[in-house]
């Protein structure tokens, strides 16, 4: 049986949306909330949030760089540092890049983590590519 872990926090669903029945914001908890938080962290540019100018990961600046071993190492370090400073509920155990779709312009970022308070493991896959209509 699944036990709800409220002490991990609760946040707005991502993307935010509303429930017509309750007339309220749909929220997420537990591992889903952590994964949403990671998705927001990885897709936010530094300085994009006015009240938190140090929050974000700045991955979009790397979109058109040659994907060599140096850049792969830099991306992993950038993500690990962002998680360390901005997601205190988890420890990033392994960050890997799946470059099998590199020629199509996408790199899958795979993050394996451990929830600090429960020692339970989780993972998240973040597709990294240039979205239509976005500017650099």
Protein backbone atom coordinates (compact mmCIF):
# COMPACT_ATOMS: atom_id res chain seq x y z
CA UNK A 1 0.00 0.00 0.00
CA UNK A 2 1.27 3.47 -0.92
CA UNK A 3 1.88 5.81 2.00
CA UNK A 4 1.63 9.56 1.41
CA UNK A 5 4.79 11.35 2.51
CA UNK A 6 3.48 14.84 3.32
CA UNK A 7 6.67 15.83 5.11
CA UNK A 8 8.49 15.93 1.74
CA UNK A 9 6.46 19.00 0.85
CA UNK A 10 3.65 20.01 -1.39
CA UNK A 11 3.78 22.29 -4.39
CA UNK A 12 1.81 23.41 -7.41
CA UNK A 13 1.60 20.92 -10.24
CA UNK A 14 3.82 21.65 -13.23
CA UNK A 15 2.63 23.14 -15.46
CA UNK A 16 0.21 24.85 -13.07
CA UNK A 17 -3.48 24.12 -13.61
CA UNK A 18 -6.74 24.28 -11.69
CA UNK A 19 -9.37 21.74 -10.66
CA UNK A 20 -12.91 22.81 -11.62
CA UNK A 21 -14.51 20.69 -8.89
CA UNK A 22 -12.50 22.06 -5.98
CA UNK A 23 -11.93 25.46 -7.61
CA UNK A 24 -8.35 25.31 -6.49
CA UNK A 25 -4.84 24.78 -7.69
CA UNK A 26 -3.83 21.18 -8.39
CA UNK A 27 -0.88 20.30 -6.15
CA UNK A 28 1.66 17.51 -6.04
CA UNK A 29 3.41 15.82 -3.13
CA UNK A 30 6.12 13.26 -2.50
CA UNK A 31 8.41 12.12 -5.31
CA UNK A 32 6.21 13.78 -7.94
CA UNK A 33 6.78 17.15 -6.26
CA UNK A 34 10.54 16.56 -6.18
CA UNK A 35 10.54 15.63 -9.89
CA UNK A 36 8.51 18.76 -10.72
CA UNK A 37 10.96 20.84 -8.70
CA UNK A 38 13.90 19.33 -10.59
CA UNK A 39 12.20 19.99 -13.93
CA UNK A 40 11.68 23.63 -12.99
CA UNK A 41 15.27 23.95 -11.73
CA UNK A 42 16.76 22.52 -14.93
CA UNK A 43 14.59 24.62 -17.22
CA UNK A 44 15.16 27.96 -15.45
CA UNK A 45 17.88 30.39 -16.51
CA UNK A 46 19.99 32.15 -13.90
CA UNK A 47 18.43 35.54 -13.17
CA UNK A 48 15.06 34.54 -14.61
CA UNK A 49 13.41 34.61 -11.18
CA UNK A 50 13.73 38.18 -9.93
CA UNK A 51 13.46 37.29 -6.25
CA UNK A 52 15.87 34.33 -6.59
CA UNK A 53 18.53 35.48 -9.09
CA UNK A 54 20.88 32.58 -8.25
CA UNK A 55 18.18 29.94 -8.90
CA UNK A 56 18.42 27.94 -12.11
CA UNK A 57 20.81 25.95 -14.21
CA UNK A 58 21.48 27.92 -17.45
CA UNK A 59 21.45 24.83 -19.65
CA UNK A 60 20.04 26.77 -22.61
CA UNK A 61 23.35 28.62 -23.02
CA UNK A 62 24.92 25.28 -23.95
CA UNK A 63 22.47 24.29 -26.70
CA UNK A 64 24.72 24.88 -29.69
CA UNK A 65 28.05 23.89 -28.16
CA UNK A 66 29.86 20.82 -29.55
CA UNK A 67 28.90 17.83 -27.40
CA UNK A 68 32.37 16.62 -26.45
CA UNK A 69 33.54 15.05 -23.19
CA UNK A 70 34.36 18.46 -21.70
CA UNK A 71 30.83 19.76 -22.26
CA UNK A 72 29.27 16.54 -20.95
CA UNK A 73 31.32 16.81 -17.76
CA UNK A 74 30.43 20.50 -17.42
CA UNK A 75 26.68 19.77 -17.82
CA UNK A 76 26.80 17.07 -15.14
CA UNK A 77 28.67 19.36 -12.75
CA UNK A 78 26.31 22.26 -13.45
CA UNK A 79 23.29 20.08 -12.65
CA UNK A 80 24.86 18.56 -9.53
CA UNK A 81 25.71 22.03 -8.19
CA UNK A 82 22.21 23.38 -8.91
CA UNK A 83 20.65 20.42 -7.08
CA UNK A 84 23.03 20.83 -4.16
CA UNK A 85 22.09 24.47 -3.64
CA UNK A 86 18.41 24.48 -4.62
CA UNK A 87 16.88 21.06 -3.86
CA UNK A 88 17.71 20.27 -0.22
CA UNK A 89 15.36 17.25 -0.06
CA UNK A 90 17.63 15.04 -2.17
CA UNK A 91 21.21 13.97 -2.81
CA UNK A 92 22.09 13.47 -6.47
CA UNK A 93 23.73 10.04 -6.69
CA UNK A 94 24.24 9.73 -10.44
CA UNK A 95 23.78 12.10 -13.35
CA UNK A 96 24.15 10.63 -16.81
CA UNK A 97 23.55 11.84 -20.33
CA UNK A 98 21.91 9.69 -22.99
CA UNK A 99 23.20 11.04 -26.30
CA UNK A 100 21.58 8.40 -28.53
CA UNK A 101 19.34 11.10 -30.06
CA UNK A 102 22.13 13.64 -30.41
CA UNK A 103 21.69 13.94 -34.19
CA UNK A 104 18.01 14.82 -33.67
CA UNK A 105 19.10 17.59 -31.30
CA UNK A 106 18.12 16.00 -27.98
CA UNK A 107 20.06 14.79 -24.97
CA UNK A 108 18.25 12.93 -22.18
CA UNK A 109 19.51 13.94 -18.74
CA UNK A 110 19.01 11.09 -16.28
CA UNK A 111 19.21 11.92 -12.58
CA UNK A 112 19.25 9.24 -9.91
CA UNK A 113 18.81 10.59 -6.40
CA UNK A 114 18.18 9.63 -2.81
CA UNK A 115 15.57 11.39 -0.69
CA UNK A 116 17.51 12.47 2.40
CA UNK A 117 14.81 12.02 5.03
CA UNK A 118 13.64 8.55 3.92
CA UNK A 119 16.73 7.13 2.17
CA UNK A 120 14.44 6.09 -0.68
CA UNK A 121 15.69 6.27 -4.23
CA UNK A 122 14.10 8.11 -7.11
CA UNK A 123 14.98 9.08 -10.63
CA UNK A 124 14.01 11.63 -13.21
CA UNK A 125 14.62 11.98 -16.95
CA UNK A 126 14.80 15.49 -18.39
CA UNK A 127 14.74 15.90 -22.18
CA UNK A 128 17.17 18.69 -23.09
CA UNK A 129 16.53 20.28 -26.49
CA UNK A 130 15.60 23.62 -28.02
CA UNK A 131 11.87 24.13 -27.78
CA UNK A 132 10.03 25.81 -30.65
CA UNK A 133 9.52 29.53 -30.18
CA UNK A 134 12.20 29.98 -27.52
CA UNK A 135 15.07 32.38 -27.93
CA UNK A 136 18.60 32.17 -26.64
